[in-house]
C-alpha atoms as a PDB file:
ATOM      1  CA  MET A   1     137.233  -2.585  62.348  1.00  0.00           C
ATOM      2  CA  SER A   2     134.777  -2.123  59.562  1.00  0.00           C
ATOM      3  CA  GLU A   3     131.457  -1.714  61.300  1.00  0.00           C
ATOM      4  CA  ASN A   4     128.953   0.772  59.920  1.00  0.00           C
ATOM      5  CA  LEU A   5     131.382   2.146  57.403  1.00  0.00           C
ATOM      6  CA  ALA A   6     129.955   5.260  55.780  1.00  0.00           C
ATOM      7  CA  VAL A   7     130.766   6.407  52.258  1.00  0.00           C
ATOM      8  CA  HIS A   8     132.926   9.430  53.011  1.00  0.00           C
ATOM      9  CA  ARG A   9     135.749  11.163  51.252  1.00  0.00           C
ATOM     10  CA  PRO A  10     138.578   9.306  52.938  1.00  0.00           C
ATOM     11  CA  TYR A  11     141.303  10.793  55.061  1.00  0.00           C
ATOM     12  CA  VAL A  12     144.457  10.304  53.019  1.00  0.00           C
ATOM     13  CA  ASP A  13     147.918  11.128  54.351  1.00  0.00           C
ATOM     14  CA  GLY A  14     146.602  13.864  56.632  1.00  0.00           C
ATOM     15  CA  ALA A  15     144.610  15.705  53.967  1.00  0.00           C
ATOM     16  CA  ALA A  16     140.862  15.049  53.881  1.00  0.00           C
ATOM     17  CA  ASP A  17     140.517  15.705  50.143  1.00  0.00           C
ATOM     18  CA  ALA A  18     143.825  14.475  48.759  1.00  0.00           C
ATOM     19  CA  GLY A  19     144.042  11.665  46.254  1.00  0.00           C
ATOM     20  CA  VAL A  20     140.425  10.540  46.508  1.00  0.00           C
ATOM     21  CA  SER A  21     139.399   7.845  44.072  1.00  0.00           C
ATOM     22  CA  ARG A  22     136.147   8.346  42.158  1.00  0.00           C
ATOM     23  CA  ARG A  23     135.448   4.649  41.734  1.00  0.00           C
ATOM     24  CA  PRO A  24     131.814   4.125  42.781  1.00  0.00           C
ATOM     25  CA  ASN A  25     132.572   0.980  44.765  1.00  0.00           C
ATOM     26  CA  LEU A  26     135.428   2.493  46.772  1.00  0.00           C
ATOM     27  CA  LEU A  27     134.078   2.743  50.317  1.00  0.00           C
ATOM     28  CA  ALA A  28     137.282   3.817  52.036  1.00  0.00           C
ATOM     29  CA  SER A  29     140.965   4.164  51.292  1.00  0.00           C
ATOM     30  CA  VAL A  30     143.933   5.479  53.210  1.00  0.00           C
ATOM     31  CA  ARG A  31     147.696   5.495  52.790  1.00  0.00           C
ATOM     32  CA  ILE A  32     149.909   6.952  55.502  1.00  0.00           C
ATOM     33  CA  PRO A  33     153.631   7.034  54.600  1.00  0.00           C
ATOM     34  CA  PRO A  34     156.186   6.113  57.277  1.00  0.00           C
ATOM     35  CA  ARG A  35     156.614   8.814  59.909  1.00  0.00           C
ATOM     36  CA  SER A  36     157.592   9.025  63.555  1.00  0.00           C
ATOM     37  CA  GLY A  37     155.601   6.716  65.834  1.00  0.00           C
ATOM     38  CA  PRO A  38     153.525   9.430  67.608  1.00  0.00           C
ATOM     39  CA  GLU A  39     152.741  11.183  64.307  1.00  0.00           C
ATOM     40  CA  MET A  40     151.624   7.926  62.709  1.00  0.00           C
ATOM     41  CA  GLN A  41     149.350   7.179  65.666  1.00  0.00           C
ATOM     42  CA  ASP A  42     147.776  10.647  65.498  1.00  0.00           C
ATOM     43  CA  MET A  43     147.047  10.274  61.793  1.00  0.00           C
ATOM     44  CA  VAL A  44     145.410   6.878  62.312  1.00  0.00           C
ATOM     45  CA  LYS A  45     143.204   8.346  65.041  1.00  0.00           C
ATOM     46  CA  ASN A  46     142.201  11.258  62.820  1.00  0.00           C
ATOM     47  CA  TRP A  47     141.336   8.859  60.020  1.00  0.00           C
ATOM     48  CA  ASN A  48     139.169   6.858  62.401  1.00  0.00           C
ATOM     49  CA  SER A  49     137.103   9.937  63.290  1.00  0.00           C
ATOM     50  CA  LYS A  50     136.394  10.674  59.628  1.00  0.00           C
ATOM     51  CA  ILE A  51     135.433   7.169  58.518  1.00  0.00           C
ATOM     52  CA  PHE A  52     134.024   4.976  61.278  1.00  0.00           C
ATOM     53  CA  THR A  53     131.136   5.465  63.678  1.00  0.00           C
ATOM     54  CA  HIS A  54     131.242   2.253  65.723  1.00  0.00           C
ATOM     55  CA  VAL A  55     134.998   1.830  66.039  1.00  0.00           C
ATOM     56  CA  THR A  56     137.125   3.743  68.526  1.00  0.00           C
ATOM     57  CA  ASP A  57     140.715   3.871  69.744  1.00  0.00           C
ATOM     58  CA  LEU A  58     142.309   2.895  66.429  1.00  0.00           C
ATOM     59  CA  ALA A  59     146.067   2.512  66.851  1.00  0.00           C
ATOM     60  CA  LEU A  60     149.024   0.822  65.214  1.00  0.00           C
ATOM     61  CA  PRO A  61     150.648  -2.001  67.204  1.00  0.00           C
ATOM     62  CA  SER A  62     153.976  -0.709  68.491  1.00  0.00           C
ATOM     63  CA  GLN A  63     156.074  -3.004  66.295  1.00  0.00           C
ATOM     64  CA  TYR A  64     154.381  -1.558  63.173  1.00  0.00           C
ATOM     65  CA  ALA A  65     154.126   2.101  64.187  1.00  0.00           C
ATOM     66  CA  TRP A  66     157.077   3.121  61.989  1.00  0.00           C
ATOM     67  CA  ARG A  67     155.858   1.439  58.797  1.00  0.00           C
ATOM     68  CA  GLU A  68     153.589   2.674  56.019  1.00  0.00           C
ATOM     69  CA  PHE A  69     149.921   2.021  56.787  1.00  0.00           C
ATOM     70  CA  ARG A  70     147.405   1.128  54.079  1.00  0.00           C
ATOM     71  CA  PHE A  71     143.725   0.302  54.180  1.00  0.00           C
ATOM     72  CA  ASP A  72     141.224   0.043  51.360  1.00  0.00           C
ATOM     73  CA  ALA A  73     137.684  -1.274  51.088  1.00  0.00           C
ATOM     74  CA  HIS A  74     135.644  -1.893  47.949  1.00  0.00           C
ATOM     75  CA  GLY A  75     132.037  -2.997  48.011  1.00  0.00           C
ATOM     76  CA  TYR A  76     128.499  -1.704  48.047  1.00  0.00           C
ATOM     77  CA  ARG A  77     125.534  -0.615  50.114  1.00  0.00           C
ATOM     78  CA  LEU A  78     122.229  -2.374  49.648  1.00  0.00           C
ATOM     79  CA  GLN A  79     119.752  -0.120  51.443  1.00  0.00           C
ATOM     80  CA  ASN A  80     120.761  -0.682  55.085  1.00  0.00           C
ATOM     81  CA  ILE A  81     123.475  -3.299  54.748  1.00  0.00           C
ATOM     82  CA  ILE A  82     127.098  -3.063  53.616  1.00  0.00           C
ATOM     83  CA  TYR A  83     129.156  -5.801  51.987  1.00  0.00           C
ATOM     84  CA  ALA A  84     132.785  -5.231  51.043  1.00  0.00           C
ATOM     85  CA  LYS A  85     136.222  -6.708  50.640  1.00  0.00           C
ATOM     86  CA  HIS A  86     139.043  -4.904  52.362  1.00  0.00           C
ATOM     87  CA  ARG A  87     142.752  -5.132  52.920  1.00  0.00           C
ATOM     88  CA  SER A  88     144.394  -3.734  56.029  1.00  0.00           C
ATOM     89  CA  ASP A  89     147.871  -3.450  57.444  1.00  0.00           C
ATOM     90  CA  ALA A  90     148.306  -4.254  61.122  1.00  0.00           C
ATOM     91  CA  VAL A  91     145.992  -2.189  63.311  1.00  0.00           C
ATOM     92  CA  THR A  92     144.079  -2.505  66.580  1.00  0.00           C
ATOM     93  CA  GLY A  93     141.081  -0.781  68.141  1.00  0.00           C
ATOM     94  CA  ILE A  94     137.725  -1.170  69.868  1.00  0.00           C
ATOM     95  CA  SER A  95     134.705  -2.460  67.933  1.00  0.00           C
ATOM     96  CA  GLY A  96     131.316  -1.474  69.337  1.00  0.00           C
ATOM     97  CA  ARG A  97     130.239   1.230  71.744  1.00  0.00           C
ATOM     98  CA  GLY A  98     128.050  -0.912  73.958  1.00  0.00           C
ATOM     99  CA  ASP A  99     124.663   0.406  72.856  1.00  0.00           C
ATOM    100  CA  ASP A 100     121.690  -0.802  70.823  1.00  0.00           C
ATOM    101  CA  GLY A 101     122.815   1.147  67.760  1.00  0.00           C
ATOM    102  CA  ASP A 102     125.792  -1.124  67.157  1.00  0.00           C
ATOM    103  CA  PRO A 103     125.431  -3.517  64.189  1.00  0.00           C
ATOM    104  CA  ILE A 104     125.767  -7.245  63.612  1.00  0.00           C
ATOM    105  CA  VAL A 105     129.036  -7.873  61.750  1.00  0.00           C
ATOM    106  CA  VAL A 106     130.341 -10.841  59.790  1.00  0.00           C
ATOM    107  CA  HIS A 107     134.063 -11.182  59.034  1.00  0.00           C
ATOM    108  CA  ILE A 108     135.159 -13.677  56.374  1.00  0.00           C
ATOM    109  CA  VAL A 109     138.955 -13.956  56.415  1.00  0.00           C
ATOM    110  CA  LEU A 110     140.655 -14.600  53.069  1.00  0.00           C
ATOM    111  CA  SER A 111     144.279 -14.233  54.171  1.00  0.00           C
ATOM    112  CA  GLY A 112     146.130 -13.234  57.310  1.00  0.00           C
ATOM    113  CA  TRP A 113     144.159 -13.190  60.519  1.00  0.00           C
ATOM    114  CA  VAL A 114     141.851 -11.084  62.690  1.00  0.00           C
ATOM    115  CA  ARG A 115     141.552 -11.477  66.466  1.00  0.00           C
ATOM    116  CA  PHE A 116     138.670 -10.389  68.691  1.00  0.00           C
ATOM    117  CA  GLU A 117     138.572 -10.328  72.488  1.00  0.00           C
ATOM    118  CA  ASP A 118     135.968  -9.334  75.046  1.00  0.00           C
ATOM    119  CA  ALA A 119     135.510 -10.170  78.717  1.00  0.00           C
ATOM    120  CA  HIS A 120     134.445 -13.727  77.891  1.00  0.00           C
ATOM    121  CA  HIS A 121     135.934 -14.703  74.533  1.00  0.00           C
ATOM    122  CA  SER A 122     139.183 -14.694  72.609  1.00  0.00           C
ATOM    123  CA  ILE A 123     138.710 -15.554  68.935  1.00  0.00           C
ATOM    124  CA  THR A 124     141.253 -15.741  66.137  1.00  0.00           C
ATOM    125  CA  VAL A 125     139.685 -15.885  62.676  1.00  0.00           C
ATOM    126  CA  GLU A 126     141.934 -17.240  59.944  1.00  0.00           C
ATOM    127  CA  PRO A 127     141.376 -18.201  56.294  1.00  0.00           C
ATOM    128  CA  GLY A 128     138.555 -20.675  55.851  1.00  0.00           C
ATOM    129  CA  TYR A 129     136.411 -19.290  58.669  1.00  0.00           C
ATOM    130  CA  MET A 130     133.852 -16.582  59.183  1.00  0.00           C
ATOM    131  CA  CYS A 131     132.795 -15.036  62.478  1.00  0.00           C
ATOM    132  CA  VAL A 132     129.408 -13.459  63.272  1.00  0.00           C
ATOM    133  CA  ARG A 133     129.501 -10.974  66.153  1.00  0.00           C
ATOM    134  CA  ASP A 134     127.076  -8.730  67.960  1.00  0.00           C
ATOM    135  CA  THR A 135     128.984  -5.463  68.404  1.00  0.00           C
ATOM    136  CA  ARG A 136     126.703  -4.268  71.174  1.00  0.00           C
ATOM    137  CA  ARG A 137     129.457  -5.902  73.193  1.00  0.00           C
ATOM    138  CA  LYS A 138     132.730  -4.007  73.100  1.00  0.00           C
ATOM    139  CA  TRP A 139     135.446  -5.998  71.375  1.00  0.00           C
ATOM    140  CA  ARG A 140     139.154  -5.321  71.217  1.00  0.00           C
ATOM    141  CA  PHE A 141     140.338  -6.335  67.754  1.00  0.00           C
ATOM    142  CA  TRP A 142     143.674  -6.833  66.038  1.00  0.00           C
ATOM    143  CA  TYR A 143     144.268  -7.127  62.305  1.00  0.00           C
ATOM    144  CA  GLY A 144     147.404  -9.009  61.363  1.00  0.00           C
ATOM    145  CA  PRO A 145     149.700  -7.477  58.711  1.00  0.00           C
ATOM    146  CA  GLY A 146     148.234  -7.706  55.229  1.00  0.00           C
ATOM    147  CA  ALA A 147     144.895  -9.140  56.381  1.00  0.00           C
ATOM    148  CA  VAL A 148     142.326  -9.484  53.596  1.00  0.00           C
ATOM    149  CA  CYS A 149     138.701  -9.943  54.609  1.00  0.00           C
ATOM    150  CA  ARG A 150     135.168  -9.749  53.378  1.00  0.00           C
ATOM    151  CA  TRP A 151     132.692  -8.282  55.776  1.00  0.00           C
ATOM    152  CA  LEU A 152     128.956  -7.881  56.034  1.00  0.00           C
ATOM    153  CA  VAL A 153     127.413  -5.197  58.257  1.00  0.00           C
ATOM    154  CA  ILE A 154     123.720  -5.334  59.194  1.00  0.00           C
ATOM    155  CA  PRO A 155     121.963  -2.790  61.453  1.00  0.00           C
ATOM    156  CA  ARG A 156     120.510  -4.258  64.618  1.00  0.00           C
ATOM    157  CA  THR A 157     117.079  -2.939  63.689  1.00  0.00           C
ATOM    158  CA  ARG A 158     117.010  -5.363  60.723  1.00  0.00           C
ATOM    159  CA  MET A 159     117.627  -8.394  62.945  1.00  0.00           C
ATOM    160  CA  SER A 160     115.009  -9.506  65.462  1.00  0.00           C
ATOM    161  CA  SER A 161     116.291 -10.321  68.932  1.00  0.00           C
ATOM    162  CA  SER A 162     115.460 -13.990  68.383  1.00  0.00           C
ATOM    163  CA  ARG A 163     117.722 -14.055  65.315  1.00  0.00           C
ATOM    164  CA  THR A 164     120.632 -12.160  66.866  1.00  0.00           C
ATOM    165  CA  PRO A 165     123.353 -14.459  68.264  1.00  0.00           C
ATOM    166  CA  LYS A 166     124.099 -13.868  71.940  1.00  0.00           C
ATOM    167  CA  ASP A 167     127.601 -15.239  71.539  1.00  0.00           C
ATOM    168  CA  PRO A 168     129.953 -15.004  68.555  1.00  0.00           C
ATOM    169  CA  VAL A 169     129.413 -17.736  65.986  1.00  0.00           C
ATOM    170  CA  MET A 170     132.396 -19.235  64.181  1.00  0.00           C
ATOM    171  CA  VAL A 171     131.534 -21.033  60.944  1.00  0.00           C
ATOM    172  CA  ALA A 172     133.728 -22.879  58.459  1.00  0.00           C
ATOM    173  CA  CYS A 173     133.332 -21.334  55.007  1.00  0.00           C
ATOM    174  CA  ALA A 174     133.037 -24.834  53.547  1.00  0.00           C
ATOM    175  CA  THR A 175     129.673 -25.462  55.234  1.00  0.00           C
ATOM    176  CA  PRO A 176     126.642 -25.389  52.903  1.00  0.00           C
ATOM    177  CA  GLU A 177     125.058 -22.392  54.645  1.00  0.00           C
ATOM    178  CA  ALA A 178     128.274 -20.365  54.468  1.00  0.00           C
ATOM    179  CA  ARG A 179     128.877 -21.232  50.825  1.00  0.00           C
ATOM    180  CA  LEU A 180     125.337 -20.214  49.923  1.00  0.00           C
ATOM    181  CA  LEU A 181     125.641 -16.861  51.701  1.00  0.00           C
ATOM    182  CA  ILE A 182     129.051 -16.087  50.191  1.00  0.00           C
ATOM    183  CA  SER A 183     127.916 -17.063  46.685  1.00  0.00           C
ATOM    184  CA  TYR A 184     124.848 -14.837  46.969  1.00  0.00           C
ATOM    185  CA  LEU A 185     126.900 -11.876  48.205  1.00  0.00           C
ATOM    186  CA  ASP A 186     129.423 -12.364  45.408  1.00  0.00           C
ATOM    187  CA  MET A 187     126.588 -12.441  42.904  1.00  0.00           C
ATOM    188  CA  LEU A 188     125.365  -9.109  44.247  1.00  0.00           C
ATOM    189  CA  ASN A 189     128.879  -7.748  44.063  1.00  0.00           C
ATOM    190  CA  ASP A 190     128.905  -8.467  40.315  1.00  0.00           C
ATOM    191  CA  GLN A 191     125.751  -6.404  39.840  1.00  0.00           C
ATOM    192  CA  ASP A 192     125.287  -2.640  39.760  1.00  0.00           C
ATOM    193  CA  PRO A 193     123.264  -1.834  42.928  1.00  0.00           C
ATOM    194  CA  SER A 194     122.427   1.603  41.542  1.00  0.00           C
ATOM    195  CA  SER A 195     120.457  -0.053  38.736  1.00  0.00           C
ATOM    196  CA  LEU A 196     118.039  -1.716  41.145  1.00  0.00           C
ATOM    197  CA  SER A 197     114.620  -0.314  42.006  1.00  0.00           C
ATOM    198  CA  VAL A 198     113.843   0.457  45.632  1.00  0.00           C
ATOM    199  CA  SER A 199     111.691  -2.668  45.867  1.00  0.00           C
ATOM    200  CA  GLY A 200     114.462  -4.703  44.220  1.00  0.00           C
ATOM    201  CA  GLU A 201     117.016  -3.478  46.762  1.00  0.00           C
ATOM    202  CA  ALA A 202     114.599  -4.249  49.610  1.00  0.00           C
ATOM    203  CA  ALA A 203     114.076  -7.790  48.332  1.00  0.00           C
ATOM    204  CA  MET A 204     117.797  -8.440  47.985  1.00  0.00           C
ATOM    205  CA  GLU A 205     118.472  -7.009  51.431  1.00  0.00           C
ATOM    206  CA  GLU A 206     115.828  -9.269  52.942  1.00  0.00           C
ATOM    207  CA  ALA A 207     117.284 -12.282  51.109  1.00  0.00           C
ATOM    208  CA  THR A 208     120.746 -11.497  52.477  1.00  0.00           C
ATOM    209  CA  ILE A 209     119.437 -11.250  56.027  1.00  0.00           C
ATOM    210  CA  SER A 210     117.468 -14.483  55.648  1.00  0.00           C
ATOM    211  CA  LEU A 211     120.550 -16.336  54.434  1.00  0.00           C
ATOM    212  CA  LEU A 212     122.581 -15.007  57.362  1.00  0.00           C
ATOM    213  CA  CYS A 213     119.870 -16.012  59.827  1.00  0.00           C
ATOM    214  CA  GLY A 214     119.817 -19.492  58.311  1.00  0.00           C
ATOM    215  CA  LEU A 215     123.562 -19.747  58.776  1.00  0.00           C
ATOM    216  CA  ILE A 216     123.293 -18.586  62.392  1.00  0.00           C
ATOM    217  CA  SER A 217     120.466 -21.026  63.154  1.00  0.00           C
ATOM    218  CA  ALA A 218     122.419 -23.939  61.684  1.00  0.00           C
ATOM    219  CA  ASN A 219     125.560 -23.139  63.662  1.00  0.00           C
ATOM    220  CA  VAL A 220     124.549 -21.294  66.819  1.00  0.00           C
ATOM    221  CA  ALA A 221     124.522 -24.508  68.830  1.00  0.00           C
ATOM    222  CA  HIS A 222     128.246 -24.747  68.146  1.00  0.00           C
ATOM    223  CA  GLY A 223     129.004 -21.058  68.746  1.00  0.00           C
ATOM    224  CA  ILE A 224     132.738 -20.638  69.016  1.00  0.00           C
ATOM    225  CA  GLY A 225     132.910 -24.075  70.582  1.00  0.00           C
ATOM    226  CA  GLY A 226     132.654 -26.172  67.417  1.00  0.00           C
ATOM    227  CA  ARG A 227     134.880 -29.230  67.759  1.00  0.00           C
ATOM    228  CA  ALA A 228     137.345 -28.341  65.021  1.00  0.00           C
ATOM    229  CA  HIS A 229     137.661 -24.738  66.139  1.00  0.00           C
ATOM    230  CA  VAL A 230     138.212 -25.713  69.782  1.00  0.00           C
ATOM    231  CA  VAL A 231     140.987 -28.129  68.761  1.00  0.00           C
ATOM    232  CA  VAL A 232     142.643 -25.533  66.510  1.00  0.00           C
ATOM    233  CA  GLU A 233     142.546 -22.772  69.130  1.00  0.00           C
ATOM    234  CA  ALA A 234     143.927 -25.074  71.824  1.00  0.00           C
ATOM    235  CA  ALA A 235     146.657 -26.277  69.473  1.00  0.00           C
ATOM    236  CA  LYS A 236     147.638 -22.720  68.603  1.00  0.00           C
ATOM    237  CA  LYS A 237     147.980 -21.907  72.281  1.00  0.00           C
ATOM    238  CA  ILE A 238     150.331 -24.860  72.716  1.00  0.00           C
ATOM    239  CA  VAL A 239     152.338 -23.811  69.658  1.00  0.00           C
ATOM    240  CA  ASP A 240     152.626 -20.228  70.898  1.00  0.00           C
ATOM    241  CA  GLU A 241     153.946 -21.453  74.245  1.00  0.00           C
ATOM    242  CA  ASN A 242     156.489 -23.845  72.723  1.00  0.00           C
ATOM    243  CA  LEU A 243     157.850 -22.120  69.628  1.00  0.00           C
ATOM    244  CA  GLU A 244     161.453 -22.320  70.814  1.00  0.00           C
ATOM    245  CA  LYS A 245     161.367 -26.109  71.166  1.00  0.00           C
ATOM    246  CA  ALA A 246     163.014 -27.869  68.246  1.00  0.00           C
ATOM    247  CA  ASP A 247     160.861 -31.005  68.560  1.00  0.00           C
ATOM    248  CA  LEU A 248     157.545 -29.155  68.225  1.00  0.00           C
ATOM    249  CA  ASP A 249     155.551 -31.187  65.700  1.00  0.00           C
ATOM    250  CA  PRO A 250     151.980 -32.524  65.216  1.00  0.00           C
ATOM    251  CA  ALA A 251     152.651 -35.639  67.303  1.00  0.00           C
ATOM    252  CA  VAL A 252     153.860 -33.584  70.276  1.00  0.00           C
ATOM    253  CA  ILE A 253     150.965 -31.131  69.985  1.00  0.00           C
ATOM    254  CA  ALA A 254     148.359 -33.904  69.649  1.00  0.00           C
ATOM    255  CA  ASN A 255     149.799 -35.695  72.669  1.00  0.00           C
ATOM    256  CA  ILE A 256     149.522 -32.567  74.833  1.00  0.00           C
ATOM    257  CA  LEU A 257     145.953 -32.015  73.613  1.00  0.00           C
ATOM    258  CA  ASP A 258     145.079 -35.680  74.149  1.00  0.00           C
ATOM    259  CA  VAL A 259     143.666 -36.026  70.639  1.00  0.00           C
ATOM    260  CA  SER A 260     144.783 -38.134  67.709  1.00  0.00           C
ATOM    261  CA  VAL A 261     147.193 -36.713  65.158  1.00  0.00           C
ATOM    262  CA  ARG A 262     144.494 -37.333  62.547  1.00  0.00           C
ATOM    263  CA  THR A 263     141.963 -35.230  64.477  1.00  0.00           C
ATOM    264  CA  LEU A 264     144.533 -32.455  64.791  1.00  0.00           C
ATOM    265  CA  HIS A 265     145.251 -32.435  61.044  1.00  0.00           C
ATOM    266  CA  ARG A 266     141.553 -32.592  60.116  1.00  0.00           C
ATOM    267  CA  SER A 267     140.735 -29.680  62.437  1.00  0.00           C
ATOM    268  CA  PHE A 268     143.346 -27.465  60.784  1.00  0.00           C
ATOM    269  CA  ALA A 269     142.290 -28.655  57.325  1.00  0.00           C
ATOM    270  CA  ALA A 270     138.734 -27.445  58.052  1.00  0.00           C
ATOM    271  CA  ALA A 271     140.236 -23.946  58.199  1.00  0.00           C
ATOM    272  CA  ASP A 272     142.260 -24.527  55.016  1.00  0.00           C
ATOM    273  CA  ASP A 273     145.448 -24.554  57.072  1.00  0.00           C
ATOM    274  CA  SER A 274     147.957 -27.042  58.446  1.00  0.00           C
ATOM    275  CA  VAL A 275     149.618 -27.500  61.807  1.00  0.00           C
ATOM    276  CA  MET A 276     153.164 -26.923  60.635  1.00  0.00           C
ATOM    277  CA  SER A 277     152.180 -23.991  58.413  1.00  0.00           C
ATOM    278  CA  TYR A 278     150.928 -22.271  61.551  1.00  0.00           C
ATOM    279  CA  VAL A 279     154.127 -23.190  63.426  1.00  0.00           C
ATOM    280  CA  ARG A 280     156.249 -21.723  60.631  1.00  0.00           C
ATOM    281  CA  ARG A 281     154.176 -18.525  60.450  1.00  0.00           C
ATOM    282  CA  ARG A 282     154.493 -17.963  64.167  1.00  0.00           C
ATOM    283  CA  ARG A 283     158.236 -18.568  64.092  1.00  0.00           C
ATOM    284  CA  ILE A 284     158.594 -16.099  61.235  1.00  0.00           C
ATOM    285  CA  GLU A 285     156.639 -13.559  63.310  1.00  0.00           C
ATOM    286  CA  GLU A 286     158.996 -14.117  66.252  1.00  0.00           C
ATOM    287  CA  ALA A 287     162.002 -13.719  63.952  1.00  0.00           C
ATOM    288  CA  GLN A 288     160.524 -10.440  62.725  1.00  0.00           C
ATOM    289  CA  MET A 289     160.189  -9.270  66.334  1.00  0.00           C
ATOM    290  CA  ASP A 290     163.853 -10.179  66.920  1.00  0.00           C
ATOM    291  CA  ILE A 291     164.795  -7.902  64.011  1.00  0.00           C
ATOM    292  CA  ILE A 292     162.627  -5.053  65.321  1.00  0.00           C
ATOM    293  CA  ASN A 293     163.905  -5.397  68.880  1.00  0.00           C
ATOM    294  CA  GLY A 294     167.559  -5.580  67.793  1.00  0.00           C
ATOM    295  CA  SER A 295     168.012  -9.056  69.268  1.00  0.00           C
ATOM    296  CA  ALA A 296     168.392 -10.935  65.973  1.00  0.00           C
ATOM    297  CA  PRO A 297     171.732 -12.648  65.226  1.00  0.00           C
ATOM    298  CA  ALA A 298     173.865 -10.737  62.745  1.00  0.00           C
ATOM    299  CA  ASN A 299     173.741 -13.577  60.239  1.00  0.00           C
ATOM    300  CA  ILE A 300     170.419 -14.469  58.577  1.00  0.00           C
ATOM    301  CA  SER A 301     171.274 -18.172  58.617  1.00  0.00           C
ATOM    302  CA  ASP A 302     171.771 -17.936  62.397  1.00  0.00           C
ATOM    303  CA  LEU A 303     168.380 -16.251  62.767  1.00  0.00           C
ATOM    304  CA  ALA A 304     166.827 -19.025  60.694  1.00  0.00           C
ATOM    305  CA  ALA A 305     168.517 -21.656  62.861  1.00  0.00           C
ATOM    306  CA  LYS A 306     167.334 -19.972  66.061  1.00  0.00           C
ATOM    307  CA  TRP A 307     163.748 -20.498  64.911  1.00  0.00           C
ATOM    308  CA  HIS A 308     164.439 -24.041  63.703  1.00  0.00           C
ATOM    309  CA  PHE A 309     164.559 -23.477  59.952  1.00  0.00           C
ATOM    310  CA  SER A 310     167.218 -25.894  58.737  1.00  0.00           C
ATOM    311  CA  ASP A 311     167.399 -24.152  55.355  1.00  0.00           C
ATOM    312  CA  SER A 312     167.984 -20.373  55.403  1.00  0.00           C
ATOM    313  CA  SER A 313     166.668 -20.010  51.846  1.00  0.00           C
ATOM    314  CA  HIS A 314     163.355 -21.540  52.959  1.00  0.00           C
ATOM    315  CA  PHE A 315     163.300 -19.130  55.903  1.00  0.00           C
ATOM    316  CA  ILE A 316     163.876 -16.167  53.570  1.00  0.00           C
ATOM    317  CA  ARG A 317     161.092 -17.291  51.212  1.00  0.00           C
ATOM    318  CA  GLN A 318     158.658 -17.706  54.107  1.00  0.00           C
ATOM    319  CA  PHE A 319     159.594 -14.306  55.521  1.00  0.00           C
ATOM    320  CA  LYS A 320     159.106 -12.600  52.147  1.00  0.00           C
ATOM    321  CA  GLN A 321     155.754 -14.325  51.646  1.00  0.00           C
ATOM    322  CA  ILE A 322     154.439 -12.795  54.885  1.00  0.00           C
ATOM    323  CA  TYR A 323     156.178  -9.398  54.933  1.00  0.00           C
ATOM    324  CA  GLY A 324     156.740  -8.765  51.242  1.00  0.00           C
ATOM    325  CA  THR A 325     160.486  -8.389  51.549  1.00  0.00           C
ATOM    326  CA  THR A 326     163.550 -10.362  52.627  1.00  0.00           C
ATOM    327  CA  PRO A 327     164.833 -10.253  56.222  1.00  0.00           C
ATOM    328  CA  ALA A 328     167.935  -8.313  55.144  1.00  0.00           C
ATOM    329  CA  ALA A 329     165.898  -5.717  53.230  1.00  0.00           C
ATOM    330  CA  TYR A 330     163.476  -5.490  56.145  1.00  0.00           C
ATOM    331  CA  LEU A 331     166.364  -4.725  58.490  1.00  0.00           C
ATOM    332  CA  ARG A 332     167.744  -2.050  56.135  1.00  0.00           C
ATOM    333  CA  THR A 333     164.329  -0.356  55.949  1.00  0.00           C
ATOM    334  CA  LEU A 334     164.061  -0.434  59.718  1.00  0.00           C
ATOM    335  CA  ARG A 335     167.478   1.204  60.149  1.00  0.00           C
ATOM    336  CA  VAL A 336     166.641   3.968  57.664  1.00  0.00           C
ATOM    337  CA  SER A 337     163.274   4.707  59.318  1.00  0.00           C
ATOM    338  CA  ARG A 338     164.953   5.080  62.678  1.00  0.00           C
END
């Protein structure tokens, strides 16, 4: 959702000039307190029009439309490119307007997840991966709650057609090319861009683009079809379809995929994740939806058991880790907001 982010005075809680930070590296910030669903959606749309130029149709997913919404991005501009770290609550929208003015965008996910879909691809980017996309295609995106990402935005005019990936490229952050690019960007982030001469900025911009092109060239043959990523995405689909089954474990998943359990574990490890961690996260998300929809058992231990947590205290800790509060407190907040 962060393409071509301009340095504007951010839209904060409905007032364009309220509570604006003066920090020089603050690119955007918004906090919208809980309100009625339609009012929240209107405020998110208004914020979109004041901040973004290549993102449209911003909206809160229905299950989060009653909660406080926060977004903040800190980073820098280096002539024509933007590099920043941002945190976002759950939000969805359209990335790209389908014209030649749309940029090339790199998302590096630190926590949570970001999903992109177009007519041909469905990509979920989780910690340990980065995704390079051409936003000349229109993409529907979803940010999971509390997603933290780095992103790099480069105008199309700075990338020759031969260096622009036709399809999205998924790259493990542990690869040498990715580590080199991230280290260089972090080094720039520790500097004061305003202290650079024009020629210095131009040189650093060119170096950034060259590093990105090297990463694309080294990985474009794999695209989003790299072996580990294909296994992980297929496994996640199986997990999502079988969350209610008590015997869902790596052996069952690997058997359905027709791969070894070792291959399954190694594929998830490449993304700094594990099979059962994903299973637990998804079950916690389903438990949260039960609470929102009013279908959760009255007793927390029964809700934990429904989603195959044998220990309710473990379920509560996992829930709090994702949503920042306990299931009981979450339910109380939901009742008050309604």
